């Protein structure tokens, strides 16, 4: 007889078939699918807009792989940053270089 810790044992289901029940009665455990394969795509420019509703100040953050990281709060400034982000995406040398290299490879 051992007095040390023992490995846990699964409790059988009431009908002795199927997956072990966990979390709550009637909820069966499952295995999540593995991560997806890498298809080579990477995000290069992000625009995060927060506009929660009436009476709350909207805010916008613009990021780019070139190092751009801008923030604006208030409706007028948020709209201006959204327009500037769109313009930056067409003018950014880092983004356009990536697009041109992908086009040449294809």
PDB file of N, CA and C in Angstrom:
ATOM      1  N   UNK A   1       0.843  -1.174   0.000  1.00  0.00           N
ATOM      2  CA  UNK A   1       0.000   0.000   0.000  1.00  0.00           C
ATOM      3  C   UNK A   1       0.887   1.235   0.000  1.00  0.00           C
ATOM      4  N   UNK A   2       0.618   2.149  -0.952  1.00  0.00           N
ATOM      5  CA  UNK A   2       1.406   3.372  -1.033  1.00  0.00           C
ATOM      6  C   UNK A   2       0.628   4.509  -0.395  1.00  0.00           C
ATOM      7  N   UNK A   3       1.341   5.407   0.219  1.00  0.00           N
ATOM      8  CA  UNK A   3       0.683   6.555   0.856  1.00  0.00           C
ATOM      9  C   UNK A   3       0.909   7.841   0.078  1.00  0.00           C
ATOM     10  N   UNK A   4       1.696   7.793  -0.987  1.00  0.00           N
ATOM     11  CA  UNK A   4       1.996   8.982  -1.791  1.00  0.00           C
ATOM     12  C   UNK A   4       0.875   9.310  -2.765  1.00  0.00           C
ATOM     13  N   UNK A   5       1.070  10.359  -3.554  1.00  0.00           N
ATOM     14  CA  UNK A   5       0.050  10.753  -4.540  1.00  0.00           C
ATOM     15  C   UNK A   5      -0.114   9.698  -5.629  1.00  0.00           C
ATOM     16  N   UNK A   6      -1.325   9.585  -6.130  1.00  0.00           N
ATOM     17  CA  UNK A   6      -1.630   8.651  -7.207  1.00  0.00           C
ATOM     18  C   UNK A   6      -2.185   9.440  -8.390  1.00  0.00           C
ATOM     19  N   UNK A   7      -2.041   8.916  -9.605  1.00  0.00           N
ATOM     20  CA  UNK A   7      -2.626   9.611 -10.751  1.00  0.00           C
ATOM     21  C   UNK A   7      -4.151   9.616 -10.659  1.00  0.00           C
ATOM     22  N   UNK A   8      -4.746  10.672 -11.174  1.00  0.00           N
ATOM     23  CA  UNK A   8      -6.210  10.782 -11.166  1.00  0.00           C
ATOM     24  C   UNK A   8      -6.818   9.780 -12.124  1.00  0.00           C
ATOM     25  N   UNK A   9      -7.996   9.307 -11.782  1.00  0.00           N
ATOM     26  CA  UNK A   9      -8.709   8.369 -12.633  1.00  0.00           C
ATOM     27  C   UNK A   9      -9.977   9.040 -13.138  1.00  0.00           C
ATOM     28  N   UNK A  10     -10.310   8.775 -14.416  1.00  0.00           N
ATOM     29  CA  UNK A  10     -11.537   9.332 -14.985  1.00  0.00           C
ATOM     30  C   UNK A  10     -12.750   8.634 -14.395  1.00  0.00           C
ATOM     31  N   UNK A  11     -13.747   9.423 -14.075  1.00  0.00           N
ATOM     32  CA  UNK A  11     -14.998   8.843 -13.599  1.00  0.00           C
ATOM     33  C   UNK A  11     -15.781   8.350 -14.808  1.00  0.00           C
ATOM     34  N   UNK A  12     -16.338   7.164 -14.756  1.00  0.00           N
ATOM     35  CA  UNK A  12     -17.092   6.661 -15.904  1.00  0.00           C
ATOM     36  C   UNK A  12     -18.399   7.435 -16.076  1.00  0.00           C
ATOM     37  N   UNK A  13     -18.857   7.497 -17.317  1.00  0.00           N
ATOM     38  CA  UNK A  13     -20.140   8.126 -17.590  1.00  0.00           C
ATOM     39  C   UNK A  13     -21.244   7.190 -17.120  1.00  0.00           C
ATOM     40  N   UNK A  14     -22.441   7.710 -16.854  1.00  0.00           N
ATOM     41  CA  UNK A  14     -23.522   6.862 -16.355  1.00  0.00           C
ATOM     42  C   UNK A  14     -23.854   5.690 -17.277  1.00  0.00           C
ATOM     43  N   UNK A  15     -23.728   5.881 -18.583  1.00  0.00           N
ATOM     44  CA  UNK A  15     -24.072   4.801 -19.490  1.00  0.00           C
ATOM     45  C   UNK A  15     -22.842   3.991 -19.921  1.00  0.00           C
ATOM     46  N   UNK A  16     -21.663   4.296 -19.336  1.00  0.00           N
ATOM     47  CA  UNK A  16     -20.421   3.588 -19.595  1.00  0.00           C
ATOM     48  C   UNK A  16     -19.982   3.642 -21.054  1.00  0.00           C
ATOM     49  N   UNK A  17     -20.454   4.613 -21.833  1.00  0.00           N
ATOM     50  CA  UNK A  17     -19.975   4.784 -23.203  1.00  0.00           C
ATOM     51  C   UNK A  17     -19.925   6.277 -23.488  1.00  0.00           C
ATOM     52  N   UNK A  18     -19.189   6.648 -24.477  1.00  0.00           N
ATOM     53  CA  UNK A  18     -19.076   8.053 -24.822  1.00  0.00           C
ATOM     54  C   UNK A  18     -17.945   8.730 -24.079  1.00  0.00           C
ATOM     55  N   UNK A  19     -17.815  10.033 -24.310  1.00  0.00           N
ATOM     56  CA  UNK A  19     -16.727  10.825 -23.721  1.00  0.00           C
ATOM     57  C   UNK A  19     -17.017  11.108 -22.260  1.00  0.00           C
ATOM     58  N   UNK A  20     -15.956  11.267 -21.459  1.00  0.00           N
ATOM     59  CA  UNK A  20     -16.175  11.626 -20.057  1.00  0.00           C
ATOM     60  C   UNK A  20     -16.858  12.993 -19.957  1.00  0.00           C
ATOM     61  N   UNK A  21     -17.742  13.142 -19.007  1.00  0.00           N
ATOM     62  CA  UNK A  21     -18.423  14.416 -18.818  1.00  0.00           C
ATOM     63  C   UNK A  21     -17.577  15.298 -17.913  1.00  0.00           C
ATOM     64  N   UNK A  22     -17.458  16.543 -18.307  1.00  0.00           N
ATOM     65  CA  UNK A  22     -16.693  17.507 -17.524  1.00  0.00           C
ATOM     66  C   UNK A  22     -17.456  18.809 -17.456  1.00  0.00           C
ATOM     67  N   UNK A  23     -17.012  19.731 -16.649  1.00  0.00           N
ATOM     68  CA  UNK A  23     -17.548  21.073 -16.482  1.00  0.00           C
ATOM     69  C   UNK A  23     -18.924  21.063 -15.828  1.00  0.00           C
ATOM     70  N   UNK A  24     -19.910  20.509 -16.485  1.00  0.00           N
ATOM     71  CA  UNK A  24     -21.262  20.491 -15.934  1.00  0.00           C
ATOM     72  C   UNK A  24     -21.971  19.237 -16.435  1.00  0.00           C
ATOM     73  N   UNK A  25     -23.008  18.866 -15.759  1.00  0.00           N
ATOM     74  CA  UNK A  25     -23.771  17.694 -16.155  1.00  0.00           C
ATOM     75  C   UNK A  25     -24.290  17.873 -17.575  1.00  0.00           C
ATOM     76  N   UNK A  26     -24.017  16.906 -18.421  1.00  0.00           N
ATOM     77  CA  UNK A  26     -24.524  16.949 -19.786  1.00  0.00           C
ATOM     78  C   UNK A  26     -23.584  17.610 -20.772  1.00  0.00           C
ATOM     79  N   UNK A  27     -22.499  18.211 -20.304  1.00  0.00           N
ATOM     80  CA  UNK A  27     -21.547  18.863 -21.206  1.00  0.00           C
ATOM     81  C   UNK A  27     -20.393  17.906 -21.423  1.00  0.00           C
ATOM     82  N   UNK A  28     -20.181  17.507 -22.642  1.00  0.00           N
ATOM     83  CA  UNK A  28     -19.126  16.548 -22.951  1.00  0.00           C
ATOM     84  C   UNK A  28     -17.840  17.283 -23.314  1.00  0.00           C
ATOM     85  N   UNK A  29     -16.713  16.690 -22.982  1.00  0.00           N
ATOM     86  CA  UNK A  29     -15.427  17.286 -23.331  1.00  0.00           C
ATOM     87  C   UNK A  29     -15.130  17.018 -24.801  1.00  0.00           C
ATOM     88  N   UNK A  30     -14.303  17.869 -25.398  1.00  0.00           N
ATOM     89  CA  UNK A  30     -13.913  17.659 -26.782  1.00  0.00           C
ATOM     90  C   UNK A  30     -12.481  18.131 -26.969  1.00  0.00           C
ATOM     91  N   UNK A  31     -11.897  17.696 -28.026  1.00  0.00           N
ATOM     92  CA  UNK A  31     -10.534  18.087 -28.346  1.00  0.00           C
ATOM     93  C   UNK A  31     -10.602  19.216 -29.355  1.00  0.00           C
ATOM     94  N   UNK A  32      -9.867  20.294 -29.086  1.00  0.00           N
ATOM     95  CA  UNK A  32      -9.842  21.410 -30.025  1.00  0.00           C
ATOM     96  C   UNK A  32      -8.969  21.063 -31.223  1.00  0.00           C
ATOM     97  N   UNK A  33      -9.315  21.607 -32.404  1.00  0.00           N
ATOM     98  CA  UNK A  33      -8.466  21.360 -33.565  1.00  0.00           C
ATOM     99  C   UNK A  33      -7.125  22.076 -33.395  1.00  0.00           C
ATOM    100  N   UNK A  34      -6.098  21.558 -34.018  1.00  0.00           N
ATOM    101  CA  UNK A  34      -4.770  22.161 -33.934  1.00  0.00           C
ATOM    102  C   UNK A  34      -4.715  23.497 -34.651  1.00  0.00           C
ATOM    103  N   UNK A  35      -3.622  24.226 -34.471  1.00  0.00           N
ATOM    104  CA  UNK A  35      -3.493  25.524 -35.141  1.00  0.00           C
ATOM    105  C   UNK A  35      -3.407  25.347 -36.653  1.00  0.00           C
ATOM    106  N   UNK A  36      -3.847  26.375 -37.348  1.00  0.00           N
ATOM    107  CA  UNK A  36      -3.803  26.334 -38.809  1.00  0.00           C
ATOM    108  C   UNK A  36      -2.363  26.487 -39.285  1.00  0.00           C
ATOM    109  N   UNK A  37      -2.105  26.015 -40.467  1.00  0.00           N
ATOM    110  CA  UNK A  37      -0.782  26.137 -41.061  1.00  0.00           C
ATOM    111  C   UNK A  37      -0.482  27.589 -41.425  1.00  0.00           C
ATOM    112  N   UNK A  38       0.768  27.909 -41.599  1.00  0.00           N
ATOM    113  CA  UNK A  38       1.200  29.250 -41.954  1.00  0.00           C
ATOM    114  C   UNK A  38       1.099  29.416 -43.462  1.00  0.00           C
ATOM    115  N   UNK A  39       0.264  30.354 -43.907  1.00  0.00           N
ATOM    116  CA  UNK A  39       0.117  30.584 -45.344  1.00  0.00           C
ATOM    117  C   UNK A  39       0.984  31.742 -45.839  1.00  0.00           C
ATOM    118  N   UNK A  40       1.814  32.322 -44.965  1.00  0.00           N
ATOM    119  CA  UNK A  40       2.742  33.364 -45.380  1.00  0.00           C
ATOM    120  C   UNK A  40       2.200  34.781 -45.287  1.00  0.00           C
ATOM    121  N   UNK A  41       0.909  34.937 -45.070  1.00  0.00           N
ATOM    122  CA  UNK A  41       0.348  36.285 -44.976  1.00  0.00           C
ATOM    123  C   UNK A  41       0.653  36.889 -43.622  1.00  0.00           C
ATOM    124  N   UNK A  42       0.911  38.174 -43.585  1.00  0.00           N
ATOM    125  CA  UNK A  42       1.197  38.904 -42.356  1.00  0.00           C
ATOM    126  C   UNK A  42       0.449  40.223 -42.368  1.00  0.00           C
ATOM    127  N   UNK A  43      -0.085  40.649 -41.230  1.00  0.00           N
ATOM    128  CA  UNK A  43      -0.696  41.980 -41.181  1.00  0.00           C
ATOM    129  C   UNK A  43       0.387  43.043 -41.303  1.00  0.00           C
ATOM    130  N   UNK A  44       0.123  44.086 -42.074  1.00  0.00           N
ATOM    131  CA  UNK A  44       1.117  45.133 -42.269  1.00  0.00           C
ATOM    132  C   UNK A  44       0.636  46.506 -41.823  1.00  0.00           C
ATOM    133  N   UNK A  45      -0.664  46.711 -41.746  1.00  0.00           N
ATOM    134  CA  UNK A  45      -1.204  47.996 -41.290  1.00  0.00           C
ATOM    135  C   UNK A  45      -2.522  47.724 -40.577  1.00  0.00           C
ATOM    136  N   UNK A  46      -2.712  48.349 -39.421  1.00  0.00           N
ATOM    137  CA  UNK A  46      -3.909  48.134 -38.621  1.00  0.00           C
ATOM    138  C   UNK A  46      -4.575  49.464 -38.357  1.00  0.00           C
ATOM    139  N   UNK A  47      -5.879  49.433 -38.297  1.00  0.00           N
ATOM    140  CA  UNK A  47      -6.675  50.595 -37.906  1.00  0.00           C
ATOM    141  C   UNK A  47      -7.703  50.092 -36.906  1.00  0.00           C
ATOM    142  N   UNK A  48      -7.597  50.538 -35.661  1.00  0.00           N
ATOM    143  CA  UNK A  48      -8.514  50.113 -34.605  1.00  0.00           C
ATOM    144  C   UNK A  48      -9.392  51.293 -34.250  1.00  0.00           C
ATOM    145  N   UNK A  49     -10.693  51.157 -34.466  1.00  0.00           N
ATOM    146  CA  UNK A  49     -11.652  52.231 -34.226  1.00  0.00           C
ATOM    147  C   UNK A  49     -12.545  51.837 -33.070  1.00  0.00           C
ATOM    148  N   UNK A  50     -12.687  52.726 -32.090  1.00  0.00           N
ATOM    149  CA  UNK A  50     -13.600  52.510 -30.982  1.00  0.00           C
ATOM    150  C   UNK A  50     -14.628  53.632 -31.017  1.00  0.00           C
ATOM    151  N   UNK A  51     -15.866  53.279 -31.286  1.00  0.00           N
ATOM    152  CA  UNK A  51     -16.955  54.247 -31.323  1.00  0.00           C
ATOM    153  C   UNK A  51     -18.108  53.666 -30.516  1.00  0.00           C
ATOM    154  N   UNK A  52     -18.037  53.769 -29.190  1.00  0.00           N
ATOM    155  CA  UNK A  52     -18.966  53.066 -28.322  1.00  0.00           C
ATOM    156  C   UNK A  52     -20.423  53.511 -28.363  1.00  0.00           C
ATOM    157  N   UNK A  53     -20.740  54.706 -28.777  1.00  0.00           N
ATOM    158  CA  UNK A  53     -22.137  55.134 -28.825  1.00  0.00           C
ATOM    159  C   UNK A  53     -22.286  56.606 -28.506  1.00  0.00           C
ATOM    160  N   UNK A  54     -23.502  57.011 -28.335  1.00  0.00           N
ATOM    161  CA  UNK A  54     -23.789  58.425 -28.072  1.00  0.00           C
ATOM    162  C   UNK A  54     -23.200  58.879 -26.744  1.00  0.00           C
ATOM    163  N   UNK A  55     -22.654  60.075 -26.780  1.00  0.00           N
ATOM    164  CA  UNK A  55     -22.141  60.671 -25.565  1.00  0.00           C
ATOM    165  C   UNK A  55     -20.770  60.167 -25.138  1.00  0.00           C
ATOM    166  N   UNK A  56     -20.150  59.284 -25.930  1.00  0.00           N
ATOM    167  CA  UNK A  56     -18.841  58.745 -25.593  1.00  0.00           C
ATOM    168  C   UNK A  56     -17.872  59.127 -26.711  1.00  0.00           C
ATOM    169  N   UNK A  57     -16.685  59.544 -26.348  1.00  0.00           N
ATOM    170  CA  UNK A  57     -15.701  60.012 -27.318  1.00  0.00           C
ATOM    171  C   UNK A  57     -15.144  58.851 -28.134  1.00  0.00           C
ATOM    172  N   UNK A  58     -15.239  58.917 -29.481  1.00  0.00           N
ATOM    173  CA  UNK A  58     -14.630  57.873 -30.306  1.00  0.00           C
ATOM    174  C   UNK A  58     -13.106  58.028 -30.314  1.00  0.00           C
ATOM    175  N   UNK A  59     -12.417  56.913 -30.537  1.00  0.00           N
ATOM    176  CA  UNK A  59     -10.957  56.964 -30.629  1.00  0.00           C
ATOM    177  C   UNK A  59     -10.492  56.033 -31.738  1.00  0.00           C
ATOM    178  N   UNK A  60      -9.311  56.354 -32.275  1.00  0.00           N
ATOM    179  CA  UNK A  60      -8.745  55.589 -33.383  1.00  0.00           C
ATOM    180  C   UNK A  60      -7.254  55.414 -33.137  1.00  0.00           C
ATOM    181  N   UNK A  61      -6.729  54.232 -33.446  1.00  0.00           N
ATOM    182  CA  UNK A  61      -5.288  53.987 -33.402  1.00  0.00           C
ATOM    183  C   UNK A  61      -4.880  53.402 -34.740  1.00  0.00           C
ATOM    184  N   UNK A  62      -3.795  53.924 -35.300  1.00  0.00           N
ATOM    185  CA  UNK A  62      -3.269  53.497 -36.595  1.00  0.00           C
ATOM    186  C   UNK A  62      -1.854  52.968 -36.388  1.00  0.00           C
ATOM    187  N   UNK A  63      -1.613  51.693 -36.791  1.00  0.00           N
ATOM    188  CA  UNK A  63      -0.296  51.074 -36.694  1.00  0.00           C
ATOM    189  C   UNK A  63       0.156  50.643 -38.086  1.00  0.00           C
ATOM    190  N   UNK A  64       1.462  50.593 -38.282  1.00  0.00           N
ATOM    191  CA  UNK A  64       2.018  50.111 -39.541  1.00  0.00           C
ATOM    192  C   UNK A  64       3.350  49.426 -39.250  1.00  0.00           C
ATOM    193  N   UNK A  65       3.766  48.510 -40.113  1.00  0.00           N
ATOM    194  CA  UNK A  65       5.032  47.816 -39.930  1.00  0.00           C
ATOM    195  C   UNK A  65       6.224  48.758 -40.060  1.00  0.00           C
ATOM    196  N   UNK A  66       6.037  49.934 -40.637  1.00  0.00           N
ATOM    197  CA  UNK A  66       7.131  50.891 -40.794  1.00  0.00           C
ATOM    198  C   UNK A  66       7.460  51.603 -39.484  1.00  0.00           C
ATOM    199  N   UNK A  67       6.634  51.410 -38.454  1.00  0.00           N
ATOM    200  CA  UNK A  67       6.878  52.044 -37.165  1.00  0.00           C
ATOM    201  C   UNK A  67       5.834  53.072 -36.793  1.00  0.00           C
ATOM    202  N   UNK A  68       4.919  53.348 -37.664  1.00  0.00           N
ATOM    203  CA  UNK A  68       3.855  54.316 -37.403  1.00  0.00           C
ATOM    204  C   UNK A  68       2.971  53.799 -36.276  1.00  0.00           C
ATOM    205  N   UNK A  69       2.663  54.669 -35.317  1.00  0.00           N
ATOM    206  CA  UNK A  69       1.764  54.341 -34.212  1.00  0.00           C
ATOM    207  C   UNK A  69       1.130  55.645 -33.759  1.00  0.00           C
ATOM    208  N   UNK A  70      -0.045  55.950 -34.311  1.00  0.00           N
ATOM    209  CA  UNK A  70      -0.729  57.206 -34.018  1.00  0.00           C
ATOM    210  C   UNK A  70      -2.055  56.939 -33.330  1.00  0.00           C
ATOM    211  N   UNK A  71      -2.473  57.885 -32.497  1.00  0.00           N
ATOM    212  CA  UNK A  71      -3.724  57.776 -31.756  1.00  0.00           C
ATOM    213  C   UNK A  71      -4.460  59.103 -31.863  1.00  0.00           C
ATOM    214  N   UNK A  72      -5.775  59.048 -32.001  1.00  0.00           N
ATOM    215  CA  UNK A  72      -6.599  60.258 -32.028  1.00  0.00           C
ATOM    216  C   UNK A  72      -7.876  59.998 -31.255  1.00  0.00           C
ATOM    217  N   UNK A  73      -8.342  61.005 -30.524  1.00  0.00           N
ATOM    218  CA  UNK A  73      -9.604  60.915 -29.789  1.00  0.00           C
ATOM    219  C   UNK A  73     -10.471  62.101 -30.175  1.00  0.00           C
ATOM    220  N   UNK A  74     -11.762  61.886 -30.221  1.00  0.00           N
ATOM    221  CA  UNK A  74     -12.701  62.919 -30.633  1.00  0.00           C
ATOM    222  C   UNK A  74     -13.125  62.675 -32.073  1.00  0.00           C
ATOM    223  N   UNK A  75     -14.338  63.054 -32.408  1.00  0.00           N
ATOM    224  CA  UNK A  75     -14.889  62.731 -33.715  1.00  0.00           C
ATOM    225  C   UNK A  75     -14.080  63.324 -34.861  1.00  0.00           C
ATOM    226  N   UNK A  76     -13.768  64.613 -34.809  1.00  0.00           N
ATOM    227  CA  UNK A  76     -13.055  65.258 -35.915  1.00  0.00           C
ATOM    228  C   UNK A  76     -11.650  64.660 -36.081  1.00  0.00           C
ATOM    229  N   UNK A  77     -10.935  64.488 -34.983  1.00  0.00           N
ATOM    230  CA  UNK A  77      -9.580  63.936 -35.066  1.00  0.00           C
ATOM    231  C   UNK A  77      -9.599  62.467 -35.492  1.00  0.00           C
ATOM    232  N   UNK A  78     -10.586  61.716 -35.030  1.00  0.00           N
ATOM    233  CA  UNK A  78     -10.695  60.307 -35.411  1.00  0.00           C
ATOM    234  C   UNK A  78     -10.934  60.180 -36.912  1.00  0.00           C
ATOM    235  N   UNK A  79     -11.839  60.978 -37.454  1.00  0.00           N
ATOM    236  CA  UNK A  79     -12.107  60.946 -38.890  1.00  0.00           C
ATOM    237  C   UNK A  79     -10.864  61.346 -39.691  1.00  0.00           C
ATOM    238  N   UNK A  80     -10.130  62.341 -39.197  1.00  0.00           N
ATOM    239  CA  UNK A  80      -8.907  62.769 -39.880  1.00  0.00           C
ATOM    240  C   UNK A  80      -7.861  61.648 -39.872  1.00  0.00           C
ATOM    241  N   UNK A  81      -7.717  60.940 -38.756  1.00  0.00           N
ATOM    242  CA  UNK A  81      -6.739  59.859 -38.687  1.00  0.00           C
ATOM    243  C   UNK A  81      -7.140  58.680 -39.568  1.00  0.00           C
ATOM    244  N   UNK A  82      -8.427  58.407 -39.687  1.00  0.00           N
ATOM    245  CA  UNK A  82      -8.897  57.344 -40.583  1.00  0.00           C
ATOM    246  C   UNK A  82      -8.507  57.674 -42.021  1.00  0.00           C
ATOM    247  N   UNK A  83      -8.745  58.918 -42.441  1.00  0.00           N
ATOM    248  CA  UNK A  83      -8.368  59.332 -43.795  1.00  0.00           C
ATOM    249  C   UNK A  83      -6.852  59.279 -43.980  1.00  0.00           C
ATOM    250  N   UNK A  84      -6.111  59.713 -42.963  1.00  0.00           N
ATOM    251  CA  UNK A  84      -4.655  59.686 -43.037  1.00  0.00           C
ATOM    252  C   UNK A  84      -4.130  58.249 -43.109  1.00  0.00           C
ATOM    253  N   UNK A  85      -4.754  57.349 -42.397  1.00  0.00           N
ATOM    254  CA  UNK A  85      -4.346  55.934 -42.430  1.00  0.00           C
ATOM    255  C   UNK A  85      -4.506  55.373 -43.843  1.00  0.00           C
ATOM    256  N   UNK A  86      -5.625  55.666 -44.471  1.00  0.00           N
ATOM    257  CA  UNK A  86      -5.857  55.194 -45.842  1.00  0.00           C
ATOM    258  C   UNK A  86      -4.807  55.760 -46.795  1.00  0.00           C
ATOM    259  N   UNK A  87      -4.469  57.031 -46.639  1.00  0.00           N
ATOM    260  CA  UNK A  87      -3.455  57.660 -47.485  1.00  0.00           C
ATOM    261  C   UNK A  87      -2.091  57.034 -47.212  1.00  0.00           C
ATOM    262  N   UNK A  88      -1.787  56.761 -45.951  1.00  0.00           N
ATOM    263  CA  UNK A  88      -0.507  56.162 -45.583  1.00  0.00           C
ATOM    264  C   UNK A  88      -0.343  54.781 -46.206  1.00  0.00           C
ATOM    265  N   UNK A  89      -1.408  54.016 -46.254  1.00  0.00           N
ATOM    266  CA  UNK A  89      -1.330  52.665 -46.832  1.00  0.00           C
ATOM    267  C   UNK A  89      -0.924  52.698 -48.297  1.00  0.00           C
ATOM    268  N   UNK A  90      -1.313  53.740 -49.017  1.00  0.00           N
ATOM    269  CA  UNK A  90      -0.931  53.835 -50.429  1.00  0.00           C
ATOM    270  C   UNK A  90       0.473  54.408 -50.600  1.00  0.00           C
ATOM    271  N   UNK A  91       0.958  55.184 -49.615  1.00  0.00           N
ATOM    272  CA  UNK A  91       2.250  55.857 -49.740  1.00  0.00           C
ATOM    273  C   UNK A  91       3.390  55.160 -49.000  1.00  0.00           C
ATOM    274  N   UNK A  92       3.114  54.272 -48.078  1.00  0.00           N
ATOM    275  CA  UNK A  92       4.146  53.655 -47.245  1.00  0.00           C
ATOM    276  C   UNK A  92       5.078  52.781 -48.094  1.00  0.00           C
ATOM    277  N   UNK A  93       6.365  53.105 -48.041  1.00  0.00           N
ATOM    278  CA  UNK A  93       7.343  52.354 -48.825  1.00  0.00           C
ATOM    279  C   UNK A  93       7.447  50.907 -48.355  1.00  0.00           C
ATOM    280  N   UNK A  94       7.299  50.664 -47.081  1.00  0.00           N
ATOM    281  CA  UNK A  94       7.408  49.301 -46.539  1.00  0.00           C
ATOM    282  C   UNK A  94       6.258  48.422 -47.027  1.00  0.00           C
ATOM    283  N   UNK A  95       5.045  48.959 -47.047  1.00  0.00           N
ATOM    284  CA  UNK A  95       3.889  48.184 -47.516  1.00  0.00           C
ATOM    285  C   UNK A  95       3.969  47.980 -49.020  1.00  0.00           C
ATOM    286  N   UNK A  96       4.249  49.034 -49.759  1.00  0.00           N
ATOM    287  CA  UNK A  96       4.286  48.939 -51.213  1.00  0.00           C
ATOM    288  C   UNK A  96       5.422  48.052 -51.696  1.00  0.00           C
ATOM    289  N   UNK A  97       6.536  48.004 -50.974  1.00  0.00           N
ATOM    290  CA  UNK A  97       7.628  47.095 -51.319  1.00  0.00           C
ATOM    291  C   UNK A  97       7.167  45.653 -51.184  1.00  0.00           C
ATOM    292  N   UNK A  98       6.459  45.341 -50.092  1.00  0.00           N
ATOM    293  CA  UNK A  98       5.952  43.983 -49.893  1.00  0.00           C
ATOM    294  C   UNK A  98       4.970  43.592 -50.982  1.00  0.00           C
ATOM    295  N   UNK A  99       4.089  44.516 -51.361  1.00  0.00           N
ATOM    296  CA  UNK A  99       3.084  44.224 -52.386  1.00  0.00           C
ATOM    297  C   UNK A  99       3.765  43.999 -53.724  1.00  0.00           C
ATOM    298  N   UNK A 100       4.738  44.850 -54.053  1.00  0.00           N
ATOM    299  CA  UNK A 100       5.423  44.702 -55.337  1.00  0.00           C
ATOM    300  C   UNK A 100       6.212  43.398 -55.404  1.00  0.00           C
ATOM    301  N   UNK A 101       6.851  42.997 -54.327  1.00  0.00           N
ATOM    302  CA  UNK A 101       7.604  41.737 -54.340  1.00  0.00           C
ATOM    303  C   UNK A 101       6.678  40.545 -54.487  1.00  0.00           C
ATOM    304  N   UNK A 102       5.515  40.591 -53.869  1.00  0.00           N
ATOM    305  CA  UNK A 102       4.569  39.486 -54.007  1.00  0.00           C
ATOM    306  C   UNK A 102       4.052  39.406 -55.436  1.00  0.00           C
ATOM    307  N   UNK A 103       3.795  40.548 -56.043  1.00  0.00           N
ATOM    308  CA  UNK A 103       3.317  40.572 -57.422  1.00  0.00           C
ATOM    309  C   UNK A 103       4.341  40.024 -58.397  1.00  0.00           C
ATOM    310  N   UNK A 104       5.632  40.318 -58.175  1.00  0.00           N
ATOM    311  CA  UNK A 104       6.684  39.822 -59.047  1.00  0.00           C
ATOM    312  C   UNK A 104       6.844  38.317 -58.915  1.00  0.00           C
ATOM    313  N   UNK A 105       6.703  37.818 -57.685  1.00  0.00           N
ATOM    314  CA  UNK A 105       6.854  36.388 -57.459  1.00  0.00           C
ATOM    315  C   UNK A 105       5.732  35.598 -58.129  1.00  0.00           C
ATOM    316  N   UNK A 106       4.560  36.175 -58.215  1.00  0.00           N
ATOM    317  CA  UNK A 106       3.431  35.473 -58.806  1.00  0.00           C
ATOM    318  C   UNK A 106       3.603  35.463 -60.293  1.00  0.00           C
TER     319      UNK A 106
END
